[in-house]
Amino acid sequence: MSRRICFALIAAMSVVWAGAPLGMLAAAPDPVVAQGAPSAAPAEPAPEKTQGAAVDNSPEAIMSLRFPQKVRVGDLIGLPMLDDNDVTLGHVERVVRTPDGKIKLIVGYSKWFGWFGRPVAVPIEVVAILGRQIASLDMPPAEYAAAPTWTAGKDMAIPDDDTIRIAITRR
């Protein structure tokens, strides 16, 4: 290998290691553009913020911002439901669909780390999956305590082999 090739490779590797892409080696920046002269392509104007535009703060809109992913219903059964302090509120006992089409997780809620709890219906929009746990994001523990005990009335259990969408989160 010639010395020029070796030096060129070393220079390229040092630039790549420093974080610049390889394409920047071939073309030097245009000094006119670098000094602040107008470029050939005009910059796109920033979108204007409209005053009075309604922001959708519904649970469904918030869930859609949390990148809902497909999950098999049977994989949710038995997962612990955690609050913001990673305290177990209960475990998912079943997944049901209400007559109006909403999906709810039935969680055995208890103040004693989820043991011997009463069933509480938790909307799928207020929770997110967190690895092999479910995080209660928009329903604090006080709302679990105040929630009515769930009964199997008109809600239909979703089979374990069906897939639903649940938001994802991280801590």
Protein backbone atom coordinates (compact mmCIF):
# COMPACT_ATOMS: atom_id res chain seq x y z
CA MET A 1 0.00 0.00 0.00
CA SER A 2 1.30 3.42 -0.79
CA ARG A 3 1.79 6.10 1.83
CA ARG A 4 -0.89 8.33 0.30
CA ILE A 5 -3.53 5.61 0.60
CA CYS A 6 -2.51 4.86 4.20
CA PHE A 7 -2.70 8.53 5.18
CA ALA A 8 -6.05 8.90 3.43
CA LEU A 9 -7.45 5.88 5.31
CA ILE A 10 -6.14 7.15 8.64
CA ALA A 11 -7.61 10.60 7.98
CA ALA A 12 -10.96 9.07 6.99
CA MET A 13 -11.09 6.88 10.08
CA SER A 14 -10.23 9.76 12.40
CA VAL A 15 -13.01 11.89 10.92
CA VAL A 16 -15.51 9.01 11.19
CA TRP A 17 -14.47 8.36 14.77
CA ALA A 18 -14.90 12.05 15.52
CA GLY A 19 -18.51 11.82 14.34
CA ALA A 20 -18.41 13.27 10.82
CA PRO A 21 -19.83 11.10 8.04
CA LEU A 22 -17.56 9.83 5.28
CA GLY A 23 -19.39 11.90 2.65
CA MET A 24 -18.02 15.09 4.18
CA LEU A 25 -14.48 14.07 3.24
CA ALA A 26 -15.09 14.24 -0.49
CA ALA A 27 -16.78 17.64 -0.65
CA ALA A 28 -15.55 20.67 1.23
CA PRO A 29 -18.21 23.09 2.44
CA ASP A 30 -19.00 25.98 0.12
CA PRO A 31 -17.38 29.09 1.67
CA VAL A 32 -20.15 31.36 0.39
CA VAL A 33 -22.86 29.32 2.10
CA ALA A 34 -20.77 28.99 5.24
CA GLN A 35 -20.54 32.78 5.53
CA GLY A 36 -24.30 33.17 5.63
CA ALA A 37 -25.10 33.98 2.01
CA PRO A 38 -28.50 32.80 0.81
CA SER A 39 -28.49 29.28 -0.53
CA ALA A 40 -30.09 28.15 -3.76
CA ALA A 41 -33.01 26.47 -2.02
CA PRO A 42 -35.04 28.75 0.24
CA ALA A 43 -35.66 27.48 3.74
CA GLU A 44 -39.15 26.24 4.43
CA PRO A 45 -41.05 28.58 6.74
CA ALA A 46 -41.91 27.31 10.18
CA PRO A 47 -45.53 26.26 10.59
CA GLU A 48 -47.56 28.99 12.20
CA LYS A 49 -49.28 28.27 15.47
CA THR A 50 -52.94 28.98 15.25
CA GLN A 51 -54.52 30.53 18.26
CA GLY A 52 -57.61 28.87 19.57
CA ALA A 53 -56.87 25.50 17.96
CA ALA A 54 -58.38 22.74 20.04
CA VAL A 55 -55.92 20.23 21.46
CA ASP A 56 -57.29 16.71 21.80
CA ASN A 57 -56.58 15.56 25.36
CA SER A 58 -58.83 12.52 25.22
CA PRO A 59 -57.41 9.25 26.57
CA GLU A 60 -57.53 7.76 23.06
CA ALA A 61 -55.45 10.62 21.61
CA ILE A 62 -52.92 10.40 24.44
CA MET A 63 -52.63 6.63 23.93
CA SER A 64 -52.00 7.09 20.21
CA LEU A 65 -49.01 9.30 21.05
CA ARG A 66 -47.52 6.47 23.11
CA PHE A 67 -46.90 4.25 20.06
CA PRO A 68 -49.44 1.46 20.69
CA GLN A 69 -48.15 -1.97 19.72
CA LYS A 70 -49.89 -5.27 19.08
CA VAL A 71 -49.89 -7.73 21.94
CA ARG A 72 -51.57 -11.09 22.44
CA VAL A 73 -54.24 -10.89 25.16
CA GLY A 74 -52.99 -14.08 26.82
CA ASP A 75 -49.58 -12.46 27.33
CA LEU A 76 -51.15 -9.71 29.46
CA ILE A 77 -52.85 -12.07 31.89
CA GLY A 78 -50.95 -12.23 35.17
CA LEU A 79 -48.75 -9.19 34.56
CA PRO A 80 -48.35 -6.85 37.54
CA MET A 81 -49.82 -3.34 37.37
CA LEU A 82 -47.37 -0.78 38.77
CA ASP A 83 -47.87 2.81 39.91
CA ASP A 84 -45.36 5.65 39.49
CA ASN A 85 -43.31 4.42 42.47
CA ASP A 86 -43.10 0.85 41.08
CA VAL A 87 -45.49 -0.41 43.75
CA THR A 88 -47.66 -3.29 42.57
CA LEU A 89 -51.32 -2.29 42.54
CA GLY A 90 -52.56 -5.68 41.37
CA HIS A 91 -52.31 -8.24 38.59
CA VAL A 92 -54.24 -8.44 35.34
CA GLU A 93 -56.90 -11.12 35.71
CA ARG A 94 -58.62 -10.77 32.32
CA VAL A 95 -59.16 -8.44 29.38
CA VAL A 96 -62.71 -7.49 28.40
CA ARG A 97 -64.50 -5.43 25.78
CA THR A 98 -67.41 -3.25 26.88
CA PRO A 99 -70.62 -3.01 24.82
CA ASP A 100 -69.45 0.33 23.40
CA GLY A 101 -66.20 -1.27 22.14
CA LYS A 102 -63.77 -0.02 24.80
CA ILE A 103 -61.10 -2.42 26.06
CA LYS A 104 -60.56 -2.72 29.80
CA LEU A 105 -58.05 -4.65 31.87
CA ILE A 106 -59.55 -6.29 34.94
CA VAL A 107 -57.00 -5.87 37.70
CA GLY A 108 -57.22 -7.42 41.16
CA TYR A 109 -56.55 -4.19 43.11
CA SER A 110 -55.40 -4.30 46.70
CA LYS A 111 -53.52 -1.94 49.01
CA TRP A 112 -51.39 -4.92 50.02
CA PHE A 113 -49.20 -5.13 46.91
CA GLY A 114 -52.00 -6.53 44.79
CA TRP A 115 -52.71 -9.59 46.92
CA PHE A 116 -56.30 -10.65 47.67
CA GLY A 117 -57.71 -7.71 45.75
CA ARG A 118 -61.06 -6.87 44.34
CA PRO A 119 -61.48 -6.66 40.55
CA VAL A 120 -61.28 -3.14 39.12
CA ALA A 121 -61.79 -2.24 35.44
CA VAL A 122 -58.89 -0.17 34.09
CA PRO A 123 -59.22 1.43 30.63
CA ILE A 124 -56.47 0.35 28.21
CA GLU A 125 -55.90 4.03 27.32
CA VAL A 126 -54.49 4.94 30.76
CA VAL A 127 -51.84 2.21 30.93
CA ALA A 128 -48.75 1.22 28.97
CA ILE A 129 -46.67 -1.92 28.82
CA LEU A 130 -43.26 -1.72 30.47
CA GLY A 131 -41.37 -4.92 29.67
CA ARG A 132 -43.10 -7.72 31.58
CA GLN A 133 -45.11 -5.22 33.65
CA ILE A 134 -47.86 -2.73 33.02
CA ALA A 135 -47.44 0.87 34.15
CA SER A 136 -50.49 2.79 35.29
CA LEU A 137 -49.75 6.19 33.74
CA ASP A 138 -52.94 8.21 33.88
CA MET A 139 -54.78 6.50 36.74
CA PRO A 140 -53.27 7.14 40.18
CA PRO A 141 -53.70 4.66 43.07
CA ALA A 142 -56.41 6.84 44.62
CA GLU A 143 -58.59 6.24 41.56
CA TYR A 144 -58.09 2.47 41.91
CA ALA A 145 -59.31 2.69 45.50
CA ALA A 146 -62.32 4.81 44.47
CA ALA A 147 -63.21 2.67 41.43
CA PRO A 148 -66.24 0.39 41.73
CA THR A 149 -65.76 -3.34 41.95
CA TRP A 150 -66.06 -4.84 38.49
CA THR A 151 -68.78 -7.39 37.77
CA ALA A 152 -69.08 -9.51 34.64
CA GLY A 153 -72.35 -7.91 33.43
CA LYS A 154 -72.39 -7.10 29.70
CA ASP A 155 -68.63 -7.01 29.22
CA MET A 156 -67.33 -9.78 26.98
CA ALA A 157 -64.02 -11.48 27.69
CA ILE A 158 -61.51 -11.20 24.85
CA PRO A 159 -60.03 -14.62 23.95
CA ASP A 160 -56.38 -15.20 24.85
CA ASP A 161 -55.38 -15.68 21.20
CA ASP A 162 -56.72 -12.30 20.04
CA THR A 163 -54.39 -9.35 19.64
CA ILE A 164 -55.06 -5.85 20.90
CA ARG A 165 -53.01 -2.66 20.91
CA ILE A 166 -51.40 -1.30 24.07
CA ALA A 167 -49.16 1.72 24.51
CA ILE A 168 -45.49 1.28 25.36
CA THR A 169 -43.45 3.25 27.87
CA ARG A 170 -40.09 3.33 29.57
CA ARG A 171 -38.73 4.66 32.84
